[in-house]
N, C-alpha and C. Protein backbone atom coordinates (compact mmCIF):
# COMPACT_ATOMS: atom_id res chain seq x y z
N MET A 1 -66.65 285.38 -26.80
CA MET A 1 -67.27 284.49 -25.83
C MET A 1 -68.05 285.32 -24.83
N SER A 2 -69.20 284.84 -24.46
CA SER A 2 -70.01 285.55 -23.48
C SER A 2 -70.01 284.80 -22.15
N TRP A 3 -70.33 285.52 -21.10
CA TRP A 3 -70.40 284.94 -19.76
C TRP A 3 -71.79 284.35 -19.54
N ILE A 4 -71.84 283.17 -18.94
CA ILE A 4 -73.09 282.48 -18.65
C ILE A 4 -73.21 282.31 -17.14
N GLN A 5 -74.34 282.76 -16.58
CA GLN A 5 -74.59 282.58 -15.15
C GLN A 5 -74.89 281.11 -14.90
N VAL A 6 -74.20 280.53 -13.91
CA VAL A 6 -74.29 279.09 -13.71
C VAL A 6 -74.97 278.70 -12.40
N VAL A 7 -74.47 279.20 -11.28
CA VAL A 7 -74.95 278.74 -9.98
C VAL A 7 -74.51 279.73 -8.90
N GLU A 8 -75.18 279.72 -7.77
CA GLU A 8 -74.72 280.51 -6.63
C GLU A 8 -73.43 279.88 -6.10
N ALA A 9 -72.44 280.69 -5.82
CA ALA A 9 -71.15 280.19 -5.34
C ALA A 9 -71.30 279.37 -4.07
N LYS A 10 -72.24 279.74 -3.20
CA LYS A 10 -72.40 279.02 -1.94
C LYS A 10 -72.90 277.58 -2.13
N ARG A 11 -73.41 277.25 -3.32
CA ARG A 11 -73.85 275.88 -3.61
C ARG A 11 -72.69 274.94 -3.91
N ILE A 12 -71.51 275.51 -4.18
CA ILE A 12 -70.33 274.68 -4.45
C ILE A 12 -69.69 274.36 -3.10
N PRO A 13 -69.65 273.09 -2.73
CA PRO A 13 -69.07 272.75 -1.42
C PRO A 13 -67.58 273.06 -1.36
N HIS A 14 -67.10 273.48 -0.20
CA HIS A 14 -65.67 273.74 -0.03
C HIS A 14 -64.88 272.45 -0.20
N GLY A 15 -63.88 272.48 -1.08
CA GLY A 15 -62.99 271.34 -1.23
C GLY A 15 -63.63 270.13 -1.89
N ARG A 16 -64.76 270.30 -2.54
CA ARG A 16 -65.42 269.20 -3.24
C ARG A 16 -65.96 269.74 -4.56
N GLY A 17 -66.41 268.84 -5.41
CA GLY A 17 -66.87 269.25 -6.73
C GLY A 17 -68.38 269.31 -6.85
N LEU A 18 -68.83 270.08 -7.82
CA LEU A 18 -70.24 270.17 -8.20
C LEU A 18 -70.30 270.11 -9.71
N ARG A 19 -71.03 269.13 -10.24
CA ARG A 19 -71.16 268.99 -11.69
C ARG A 19 -72.31 269.84 -12.19
N VAL A 20 -72.05 270.54 -13.29
CA VAL A 20 -73.10 271.29 -14.00
C VAL A 20 -73.01 270.95 -15.48
N ASP A 21 -74.15 270.94 -16.13
CA ASP A 21 -74.21 270.69 -17.57
C ASP A 21 -74.70 271.95 -18.26
N ILE A 22 -73.93 272.42 -19.23
CA ILE A 22 -74.30 273.60 -19.99
C ILE A 22 -74.19 273.22 -21.46
N GLY A 23 -75.33 273.00 -22.08
CA GLY A 23 -75.32 272.53 -23.46
C GLY A 23 -74.60 271.20 -23.53
N GLU A 24 -73.61 271.12 -24.40
CA GLU A 24 -72.82 269.90 -24.56
C GLU A 24 -71.67 269.80 -23.57
N HIS A 25 -71.50 270.81 -22.75
CA HIS A 25 -70.36 270.87 -21.82
C HIS A 25 -70.75 270.30 -20.46
N ARG A 26 -69.98 269.32 -20.02
CA ARG A 26 -70.13 268.76 -18.68
C ARG A 26 -68.97 269.32 -17.86
N ILE A 27 -69.27 270.11 -16.84
CA ILE A 27 -68.26 270.90 -16.14
C ILE A 27 -68.27 270.57 -14.65
N ALA A 28 -67.07 270.49 -14.08
CA ALA A 28 -66.91 270.29 -12.64
C ALA A 28 -66.45 271.61 -12.04
N LEU A 29 -67.22 272.11 -11.08
CA LEU A 29 -66.87 273.33 -10.36
C LEU A 29 -66.30 272.97 -9.00
N PHE A 30 -65.29 273.71 -8.59
CA PHE A 30 -64.65 273.48 -7.29
C PHE A 30 -64.45 274.83 -6.61
N ARG A 31 -64.60 274.84 -5.28
CA ARG A 31 -64.31 276.05 -4.49
C ARG A 31 -63.23 275.67 -3.49
N VAL A 32 -62.07 276.32 -3.66
CA VAL A 32 -60.92 276.04 -2.80
C VAL A 32 -60.38 277.36 -2.29
N GLU A 33 -60.33 277.51 -0.98
CA GLU A 33 -59.79 278.71 -0.34
C GLU A 33 -60.39 279.99 -0.93
N GLY A 34 -61.70 279.98 -1.14
CA GLY A 34 -62.42 281.15 -1.60
C GLY A 34 -62.42 281.38 -3.10
N GLU A 35 -61.66 280.60 -3.84
CA GLU A 35 -61.61 280.73 -5.30
C GLU A 35 -62.46 279.63 -5.94
N VAL A 36 -63.06 279.93 -7.08
CA VAL A 36 -63.85 278.96 -7.82
C VAL A 36 -63.10 278.59 -9.09
N TYR A 37 -63.04 277.29 -9.37
CA TYR A 37 -62.36 276.75 -10.55
C TYR A 37 -63.35 275.92 -11.35
N ALA A 38 -63.19 275.88 -12.66
CA ALA A 38 -64.07 275.11 -13.53
C ALA A 38 -63.23 274.35 -14.55
N ILE A 39 -63.39 273.02 -14.55
CA ILE A 39 -62.68 272.17 -15.51
C ILE A 39 -63.67 271.20 -16.12
N GLY A 40 -63.28 270.58 -17.24
CA GLY A 40 -64.10 269.55 -17.83
C GLY A 40 -64.32 268.42 -16.83
N ASP A 41 -65.53 267.94 -16.74
CA ASP A 41 -65.87 266.94 -15.72
C ASP A 41 -65.40 265.53 -16.06
N ARG A 42 -65.08 265.25 -17.31
CA ARG A 42 -64.70 263.90 -17.70
C ARG A 42 -63.19 263.71 -17.65
N CYS A 43 -62.75 262.71 -16.88
CA CYS A 43 -61.33 262.37 -16.85
C CYS A 43 -60.89 262.03 -18.26
N SER A 44 -59.73 262.53 -18.68
CA SER A 44 -59.25 262.30 -20.04
C SER A 44 -58.77 260.86 -20.24
N HIS A 45 -58.67 260.10 -19.17
CA HIS A 45 -58.23 258.71 -19.28
C HIS A 45 -59.41 257.75 -19.38
N ALA A 46 -60.41 257.92 -18.50
CA ALA A 46 -61.46 256.90 -18.45
C ALA A 46 -62.87 257.46 -18.33
N GLU A 47 -63.05 258.75 -18.61
CA GLU A 47 -64.37 259.37 -18.62
C GLU A 47 -65.10 259.38 -17.28
N ALA A 48 -64.42 259.17 -16.18
CA ALA A 48 -65.05 259.25 -14.86
C ALA A 48 -65.34 260.71 -14.53
N SER A 49 -66.31 260.94 -13.64
CA SER A 49 -66.67 262.30 -13.24
C SER A 49 -65.65 262.86 -12.26
N LEU A 50 -64.97 263.92 -12.65
CA LEU A 50 -64.00 264.55 -11.75
C LEU A 50 -64.68 265.28 -10.60
N ALA A 51 -65.94 265.68 -10.77
CA ALA A 51 -66.68 266.33 -9.69
C ALA A 51 -66.83 265.39 -8.49
N GLU A 52 -66.72 264.09 -8.72
CA GLU A 52 -66.83 263.10 -7.65
C GLU A 52 -65.49 262.77 -7.02
N GLY A 53 -64.41 263.37 -7.52
CA GLY A 53 -63.08 263.08 -7.01
C GLY A 53 -62.74 263.85 -5.75
N ASP A 54 -61.67 263.41 -5.10
CA ASP A 54 -61.17 264.08 -3.89
C ASP A 54 -60.27 265.24 -4.30
N VAL A 55 -60.36 266.33 -3.56
CA VAL A 55 -59.55 267.52 -3.82
C VAL A 55 -58.41 267.58 -2.81
N PHE A 56 -57.20 267.77 -3.33
CA PHE A 56 -56.01 267.93 -2.51
C PHE A 56 -55.31 269.20 -2.96
N GLY A 57 -55.42 270.25 -2.18
CA GLY A 57 -54.86 271.53 -2.59
C GLY A 57 -55.56 272.01 -3.83
N LEU A 58 -54.81 272.22 -4.91
CA LEU A 58 -55.38 272.69 -6.18
C LEU A 58 -55.41 271.58 -7.23
N GLU A 59 -55.55 270.34 -6.76
CA GLU A 59 -55.68 269.19 -7.65
C GLU A 59 -56.92 268.39 -7.27
N VAL A 60 -57.51 267.76 -8.29
CA VAL A 60 -58.60 266.82 -8.05
C VAL A 60 -58.14 265.46 -8.54
N GLU A 61 -58.43 264.45 -7.75
CA GLU A 61 -58.05 263.08 -8.09
C GLU A 61 -59.24 262.35 -8.70
N CYS A 62 -59.02 261.74 -9.84
CA CYS A 62 -60.07 260.97 -10.51
C CYS A 62 -60.48 259.81 -9.61
N PRO A 63 -61.78 259.64 -9.39
CA PRO A 63 -62.23 258.57 -8.49
C PRO A 63 -62.05 257.17 -9.08
N ARG A 64 -61.82 257.06 -10.37
CA ARG A 64 -61.71 255.74 -10.98
C ARG A 64 -60.30 255.15 -10.92
N HIS A 65 -59.30 255.90 -11.40
CA HIS A 65 -57.95 255.34 -11.47
C HIS A 65 -56.89 256.20 -10.80
N GLY A 66 -57.28 257.30 -10.15
CA GLY A 66 -56.33 258.07 -9.36
C GLY A 66 -55.52 259.13 -10.08
N SER A 67 -55.79 259.39 -11.36
CA SER A 67 -55.09 260.49 -12.02
C SER A 67 -55.45 261.79 -11.30
N ALA A 68 -54.49 262.70 -11.21
CA ALA A 68 -54.73 263.99 -10.56
C ALA A 68 -54.61 265.10 -11.59
N PHE A 69 -55.56 266.05 -11.54
CA PHE A 69 -55.60 267.16 -12.49
C PHE A 69 -55.51 268.48 -11.76
N ASP A 70 -54.72 269.39 -12.31
CA ASP A 70 -54.57 270.74 -11.76
C ASP A 70 -55.86 271.52 -12.04
N LEU A 71 -56.45 272.11 -11.01
CA LEU A 71 -57.70 272.85 -11.16
C LEU A 71 -57.50 274.16 -11.94
N ARG A 72 -56.28 274.65 -12.01
CA ARG A 72 -56.00 275.90 -12.72
C ARG A 72 -55.73 275.69 -14.20
N THR A 73 -55.08 274.59 -14.54
CA THR A 73 -54.62 274.38 -15.92
C THR A 73 -55.27 273.18 -16.61
N GLY A 74 -55.85 272.27 -15.84
CA GLY A 74 -56.41 271.04 -16.40
C GLY A 74 -55.37 269.98 -16.71
N GLU A 75 -54.10 270.28 -16.49
CA GLU A 75 -53.02 269.34 -16.79
C GLU A 75 -53.02 268.18 -15.81
N PRO A 76 -52.78 266.95 -16.31
CA PRO A 76 -52.68 265.80 -15.41
C PRO A 76 -51.32 265.81 -14.71
N HIS A 77 -51.33 265.46 -13.44
CA HIS A 77 -50.09 265.38 -12.66
C HIS A 77 -49.81 263.97 -12.18
N ALA A 78 -50.66 263.02 -12.57
CA ALA A 78 -50.46 261.63 -12.19
C ALA A 78 -51.05 260.73 -13.26
N LEU A 79 -50.37 259.65 -13.52
CA LEU A 79 -50.86 258.65 -14.47
C LEU A 79 -52.06 257.91 -13.87
N PRO A 80 -52.91 257.31 -14.68
CA PRO A 80 -52.68 256.96 -16.07
C PRO A 80 -53.07 258.05 -17.08
N ALA A 81 -53.70 259.14 -16.67
CA ALA A 81 -54.07 260.20 -17.62
C ALA A 81 -52.82 260.90 -18.14
N THR A 82 -52.82 261.20 -19.43
CA THR A 82 -51.70 261.93 -20.03
C THR A 82 -52.18 263.18 -20.76
N GLN A 83 -53.48 263.32 -20.97
CA GLN A 83 -54.05 264.47 -21.68
C GLN A 83 -54.77 265.39 -20.71
N PRO A 84 -54.68 266.71 -20.91
CA PRO A 84 -55.38 267.64 -20.02
C PRO A 84 -56.89 267.61 -20.26
N VAL A 85 -57.62 268.15 -19.29
CA VAL A 85 -59.06 268.36 -19.44
C VAL A 85 -59.27 269.85 -19.69
N PRO A 86 -60.40 270.23 -20.30
CA PRO A 86 -60.65 271.66 -20.55
C PRO A 86 -60.73 272.47 -19.26
N VAL A 87 -60.36 273.73 -19.37
CA VAL A 87 -60.46 274.68 -18.27
C VAL A 87 -61.33 275.84 -18.75
N TYR A 88 -62.19 276.34 -17.89
CA TYR A 88 -63.12 277.41 -18.25
C TYR A 88 -62.84 278.65 -17.41
N ASP A 89 -62.97 279.83 -18.04
CA ASP A 89 -62.83 281.09 -17.31
C ASP A 89 -63.99 281.22 -16.35
N VAL A 90 -63.68 281.70 -15.13
CA VAL A 90 -64.68 281.83 -14.07
C VAL A 90 -64.61 283.24 -13.50
N LYS A 91 -65.78 283.78 -13.19
CA LYS A 91 -65.84 285.00 -12.38
C LYS A 91 -67.02 284.86 -11.44
N VAL A 92 -66.89 285.50 -10.29
CA VAL A 92 -67.96 285.50 -9.29
C VAL A 92 -68.35 286.94 -9.05
N GLU A 93 -69.64 287.23 -9.25
CA GLU A 93 -70.18 288.57 -9.03
C GLU A 93 -71.45 288.46 -8.23
N ASP A 94 -71.53 289.22 -7.16
CA ASP A 94 -72.71 289.23 -6.30
C ASP A 94 -73.13 287.82 -5.89
N GLY A 95 -72.13 286.98 -5.60
CA GLY A 95 -72.41 285.64 -5.12
C GLY A 95 -72.78 284.63 -6.19
N MET A 96 -72.79 285.05 -7.47
CA MET A 96 -73.13 284.15 -8.56
C MET A 96 -71.87 283.80 -9.37
N VAL A 97 -71.81 282.54 -9.80
CA VAL A 97 -70.69 282.07 -10.61
C VAL A 97 -71.07 282.19 -12.09
N PHE A 98 -70.15 282.77 -12.86
CA PHE A 98 -70.33 282.91 -14.30
C PHE A 98 -69.17 282.19 -14.98
N LEU A 99 -69.45 281.53 -16.10
CA LEU A 99 -68.43 280.85 -16.89
C LEU A 99 -68.44 281.39 -18.31
N ARG A 100 -67.26 281.34 -18.93
CA ARG A 100 -67.15 281.66 -20.35
C ARG A 100 -66.94 280.34 -21.08
N ILE A 101 -67.87 280.03 -21.99
CA ILE A 101 -67.85 278.73 -22.67
C ILE A 101 -67.98 278.94 -24.17
N GLY A 102 -67.10 278.28 -24.92
CA GLY A 102 -67.20 278.33 -26.38
C GLY A 102 -66.98 279.72 -26.94
N GLU A 103 -67.37 279.87 -28.18
CA GLU A 103 -67.20 281.15 -28.87
C GLU A 103 -68.56 281.65 -29.34
N ASP A 104 -68.68 282.96 -29.44
CA ASP A 104 -69.93 283.56 -29.96
C ASP A 104 -70.00 283.41 -31.46
């Protein structure tokens, strides 16, 4: 897998999401306490955009039905979602966010 430059880290609002599309991947980026997290943007329950959800600590709440997903693991912590969302490797270098997506 190769690293893909995505966005300047400062463009990701603190405690809120930013949606980016990379090929077929719809990704929600979050910046919490100086760390950047990347998860699949579609709620596994109802396909709502997680980038539009509220962030509480290291969880994002789906704006449609309230499922909460861990930003580190993608695992749901609240119903009605029962399936995790994808999680992407993230690194920040010189103020730029890079993601590892798919396989080479």
